[in-house]
Amino acid sequence: MRLKECEPVEKVNLQDLVDWPEALGYVGGDEELLRDLLETFLTQCPAWICQLEKGLQLSSPEEVHVSAHPLKNSFGLLGAKRATYLALQLENMGRCGTLTGGDETFRSLRTELDRLLPAMTDFVKSSKDGNSRG
């Protein structure tokens, strides 16, 4: 049996995944500043996700609360509404000391990140290519 060739994954623009006017509004319409914020986020995000996952594995509400908080704030500033909502749920679980449903919420957040991070990366790189929009 012969496998079909993989079809290329369609690239999605960041503007199609986030509340673009909200993200731009936060930076006063300055796309370069937004790129700088995204670049910083992309640097910090892996550590926050790792810390969040560790907190869930250790059933540590405090760890989950502390690591979900900067994710929630960053997603909110970047107009990523679904990711903001999921990070807020995790933050609240940690704050309340109950992690019931945390693993499922974390999986949903990872799925959302799988959509967001490539688009964020492309948008950041687009300034190097001279493009004004990702």
C-alpha atoms as a PDB file:
ATOM      1  CA  MET A   1       0.000   0.000   0.000  1.00  0.00           C
ATOM      2  CA  ARG A   2       1.364   3.357  -0.994  1.00  0.00           C
ATOM      3  CA  LEU A   3       0.999   6.382   1.295  1.00  0.00           C
ATOM      4  CA  LYS A   4      -0.301   9.578  -0.201  1.00  0.00           C
ATOM      5  CA  GLU A   5       1.988  12.540  -0.104  1.00  0.00           C
ATOM      6  CA  CYS A   6       1.266  14.886   2.739  1.00  0.00           C
ATOM      7  CA  GLU A   7      -0.580  17.969   1.679  1.00  0.00           C
ATOM      8  CA  PRO A   8       1.066  21.221   2.705  1.00  0.00           C
ATOM      9  CA  VAL A   9      -0.440  22.837   5.747  1.00  0.00           C
ATOM     10  CA  GLU A  10      -2.178  26.077   4.892  1.00  0.00           C
ATOM     11  CA  LYS A  11      -0.561  29.023   6.627  1.00  0.00           C
ATOM     12  CA  VAL A  12      -2.859  31.137   8.729  1.00  0.00           C
ATOM     13  CA  ASN A  13      -2.208  34.817   9.330  1.00  0.00           C
ATOM     14  CA  LEU A  14      -2.044  35.998  12.902  1.00  0.00           C
ATOM     15  CA  GLN A  15      -4.738  38.559  12.110  1.00  0.00           C
ATOM     16  CA  ASP A  16      -7.143  35.667  11.456  1.00  0.00           C
ATOM     17  CA  LEU A  17      -6.489  34.047  14.855  1.00  0.00           C
ATOM     18  CA  VAL A  18      -6.597  36.971  17.247  1.00  0.00           C
ATOM     19  CA  ASP A  19      -8.626  40.106  17.827  1.00  0.00           C
ATOM     20  CA  TRP A  20      -6.331  42.176  15.616  1.00  0.00           C
ATOM     21  CA  PRO A  21      -7.813  45.604  16.436  1.00  0.00           C
ATOM     22  CA  GLU A  22      -7.482  44.845  20.154  1.00  0.00           C
ATOM     23  CA  ALA A  23      -3.856  43.743  19.790  1.00  0.00           C
ATOM     24  CA  LEU A  24      -2.985  46.813  17.724  1.00  0.00           C
ATOM     25  CA  GLY A  25      -4.944  49.054  20.071  1.00  0.00           C
ATOM     26  CA  TYR A  26      -2.803  47.937  22.984  1.00  0.00           C
ATOM     27  CA  VAL A  27       0.319  49.172  21.179  1.00  0.00           C
ATOM     28  CA  GLY A  28      -1.268  52.312  19.722  1.00  0.00           C
ATOM     29  CA  GLY A  29      -1.334  50.852  16.215  1.00  0.00           C
ATOM     30  CA  ASP A  30       2.455  50.288  16.172  1.00  0.00           C
ATOM     31  CA  GLU A  31       3.023  46.943  14.423  1.00  0.00           C
ATOM     32  CA  GLU A  32       6.755  47.025  15.146  1.00  0.00           C
ATOM     33  CA  LEU A  33       6.061  47.324  18.875  1.00  0.00           C
ATOM     34  CA  LEU A  34       3.607  44.439  18.571  1.00  0.00           C
ATOM     35  CA  ARG A  35       6.333  42.398  16.864  1.00  0.00           C
ATOM     36  CA  ASP A  36       8.693  43.202  19.747  1.00  0.00           C
ATOM     37  CA  LEU A  37       6.070  42.087  22.284  1.00  0.00           C
ATOM     38  CA  LEU A  38       5.433  38.894  20.327  1.00  0.00           C
ATOM     39  CA  GLU A  39       9.148  38.180  20.102  1.00  0.00           C
ATOM     40  CA  THR A  40       9.437  38.518  23.881  1.00  0.00           C
ATOM     41  CA  PHE A  41       6.359  36.335  24.362  1.00  0.00           C
ATOM     42  CA  LEU A  42       7.765  33.646  22.064  1.00  0.00           C
ATOM     43  CA  THR A  43      10.940  33.626  24.161  1.00  0.00           C
ATOM     44  CA  GLN A  44       9.078  33.349  27.490  1.00  0.00           C
ATOM     45  CA  CYS A  45       6.184  31.095  26.488  1.00  0.00           C
ATOM     46  CA  PRO A  46       8.021  27.733  26.492  1.00  0.00           C
ATOM     47  CA  ALA A  47       9.164  28.206  30.098  1.00  0.00           C
ATOM     48  CA  TRP A  48       5.657  29.216  31.220  1.00  0.00           C
ATOM     49  CA  ILE A  49       4.108  26.206  29.460  1.00  0.00           C
ATOM     50  CA  CYS A  50       6.714  23.864  30.952  1.00  0.00           C
ATOM     51  CA  GLN A  51       6.101  25.287  34.435  1.00  0.00           C
ATOM     52  CA  LEU A  52       2.341  24.980  33.959  1.00  0.00           C
ATOM     53  CA  GLU A  53       2.624  21.377  32.816  1.00  0.00           C
ATOM     54  CA  LYS A  54       4.911  20.578  35.758  1.00  0.00           C
ATOM     55  CA  GLY A  55       2.408  22.139  38.170  1.00  0.00           C
ATOM     56  CA  LEU A  56      -0.363  19.964  36.765  1.00  0.00           C
ATOM     57  CA  GLN A  57       1.798  16.833  36.912  1.00  0.00           C
ATOM     58  CA  LEU A  58       2.683  17.553  40.544  1.00  0.00           C
ATOM     59  CA  SER A  59      -0.921  18.526  41.369  1.00  0.00           C
ATOM     60  CA  SER A  60       0.399  21.868  42.634  1.00  0.00           C
ATOM     61  CA  PRO A  61      -2.321  24.535  42.527  1.00  0.00           C
ATOM     62  CA  GLU A  62       0.171  27.276  43.436  1.00  0.00           C
ATOM     63  CA  GLU A  63       2.489  26.315  40.549  1.00  0.00           C
ATOM     64  CA  VAL A  64      -0.468  26.257  38.142  1.00  0.00           C
ATOM     65  CA  HIS A  65      -1.692  29.642  39.367  1.00  0.00           C
ATOM     66  CA  VAL A  66       1.744  31.282  39.141  1.00  0.00           C
ATOM     67  CA  SER A  67       2.524  29.928  35.665  1.00  0.00           C
ATOM     68  CA  ALA A  68      -0.925  30.487  34.131  1.00  0.00           C
ATOM     69  CA  HIS A  69      -1.020  34.143  35.214  1.00  0.00           C
ATOM     70  CA  PRO A  70       1.619  35.543  32.801  1.00  0.00           C
ATOM     71  CA  LEU A  71       0.203  33.419  29.985  1.00  0.00           C
ATOM     72  CA  LYS A  72      -3.275  34.847  30.584  1.00  0.00           C
ATOM     73  CA  ASN A  73      -1.965  38.407  30.658  1.00  0.00           C
ATOM     74  CA  SER A  74       0.161  37.978  27.547  1.00  0.00           C
ATOM     75  CA  PHE A  75      -2.584  36.319  25.537  1.00  0.00           C
ATOM     76  CA  GLY A  76      -4.955  39.083  26.594  1.00  0.00           C
ATOM     77  CA  LEU A  77      -2.593  41.811  25.404  1.00  0.00           C
ATOM     78  CA  LEU A  78      -2.082  40.002  22.115  1.00  0.00           C
ATOM     79  CA  GLY A  79      -5.813  39.636  21.441  1.00  0.00           C
ATOM     80  CA  ALA A  80      -5.751  35.822  21.647  1.00  0.00           C
ATOM     81  CA  LYS A  81      -9.175  35.471  23.245  1.00  0.00           C
ATOM     82  CA  ARG A  82      -9.538  31.670  23.358  1.00  0.00           C
ATOM     83  CA  ALA A  83      -6.040  31.206  24.759  1.00  0.00           C
ATOM     84  CA  THR A  84      -6.719  33.968  27.298  1.00  0.00           C
ATOM     85  CA  TYR A  85      -9.900  32.210  28.401  1.00  0.00           C
ATOM     86  CA  LEU A  86      -8.151  28.836  28.789  1.00  0.00           C
ATOM     87  CA  ALA A  87      -5.221  30.337  30.715  1.00  0.00           C
ATOM     88  CA  LEU A  88      -7.705  32.189  32.950  1.00  0.00           C
ATOM     89  CA  GLN A  89      -9.478  28.904  33.692  1.00  0.00           C
ATOM     90  CA  LEU A  90      -6.164  27.335  34.716  1.00  0.00           C
ATOM     91  CA  GLU A  91      -5.199  30.372  36.782  1.00  0.00           C
ATOM     92  CA  ASN A  92      -8.548  30.236  38.607  1.00  0.00           C
ATOM     93  CA  MET A  93      -8.195  26.497  39.229  1.00  0.00           C
ATOM     94  CA  GLY A  94      -4.832  27.141  40.835  1.00  0.00           C
ATOM     95  CA  ARG A  95      -6.102  30.091  42.849  1.00  0.00           C
ATOM     96  CA  CYS A  96      -9.044  28.044  44.156  1.00  0.00           C
ATOM     97  CA  GLY A  97      -6.813  25.069  44.950  1.00  0.00           C
ATOM     98  CA  THR A  98      -8.667  22.579  42.770  1.00  0.00           C
ATOM     99  CA  LEU A  99      -7.174  21.268  39.551  1.00  0.00           C
ATOM    100  CA  THR A 100     -10.156  19.157  38.482  1.00  0.00           C
ATOM    101  CA  GLY A 101     -10.333  19.425  34.699  1.00  0.00           C
ATOM    102  CA  GLY A 102      -6.886  21.036  34.541  1.00  0.00           C
ATOM    103  CA  ASP A 103      -5.349  18.401  32.282  1.00  0.00           C
ATOM    104  CA  GLU A 104      -8.165  18.737  29.752  1.00  0.00           C
ATOM    105  CA  THR A 105      -7.967  22.545  29.847  1.00  0.00           C
ATOM    106  CA  PHE A 106      -4.201  22.346  29.403  1.00  0.00           C
ATOM    107  CA  ARG A 107      -4.618  20.083  26.361  1.00  0.00           C
ATOM    108  CA  SER A 108      -7.037  22.618  24.887  1.00  0.00           C
ATOM    109  CA  LEU A 109      -4.524  25.385  25.541  1.00  0.00           C
ATOM    110  CA  ARG A 110      -1.777  23.360  23.827  1.00  0.00           C
ATOM    111  CA  THR A 111      -4.042  22.850  20.812  1.00  0.00           C
ATOM    112  CA  GLU A 112      -4.661  26.597  20.670  1.00  0.00           C
ATOM    113  CA  LEU A 113      -0.922  27.258  20.955  1.00  0.00           C
ATOM    114  CA  ASP A 114      -0.293  24.858  18.066  1.00  0.00           C
ATOM    115  CA  ARG A 115      -2.400  27.231  15.965  1.00  0.00           C
ATOM    116  CA  LEU A 116      -1.102  30.502  17.414  1.00  0.00           C
ATOM    117  CA  LEU A 117       2.653  30.011  17.727  1.00  0.00           C
ATOM    118  CA  PRO A 118       3.422  29.410  14.027  1.00  0.00           C
ATOM    119  CA  ALA A 119       1.366  32.484  13.064  1.00  0.00           C
ATOM    120  CA  MET A 120       3.070  34.559  15.774  1.00  0.00           C
ATOM    121  CA  THR A 121       6.484  33.394  14.604  1.00  0.00           C
ATOM    122  CA  ASP A 122       5.655  34.209  10.976  1.00  0.00           C
ATOM    123  CA  PHE A 123       4.445  37.673  11.981  1.00  0.00           C
ATOM    124  CA  VAL A 124       7.659  38.377  13.915  1.00  0.00           C
ATOM    125  CA  LYS A 125       9.786  37.158  11.001  1.00  0.00           C
ATOM    126  CA  SER A 126       7.790  39.204   8.490  1.00  0.00           C
ATOM    127  CA  SER A 127       9.480  42.423   9.669  1.00  0.00           C
ATOM    128  CA  LYS A 128      12.815  40.971   8.593  1.00  0.00           C
ATOM    129  CA  ASP A 129      11.357  40.274   5.156  1.00  0.00           C
ATOM    130  CA  GLY A 130       9.976  43.792   4.829  1.00  0.00           C
ATOM    131  CA  ASN A 131       6.329  42.747   5.047  1.00  0.00           C
ATOM    132  CA  SER A 132       4.055  44.890   7.160  1.00  0.00           C
ATOM    133  CA  ARG A 133       1.485  42.169   7.943  1.00  0.00           C
ATOM    134  CA  GLY A 134       2.034  38.518   8.912  1.00  0.00           C
END
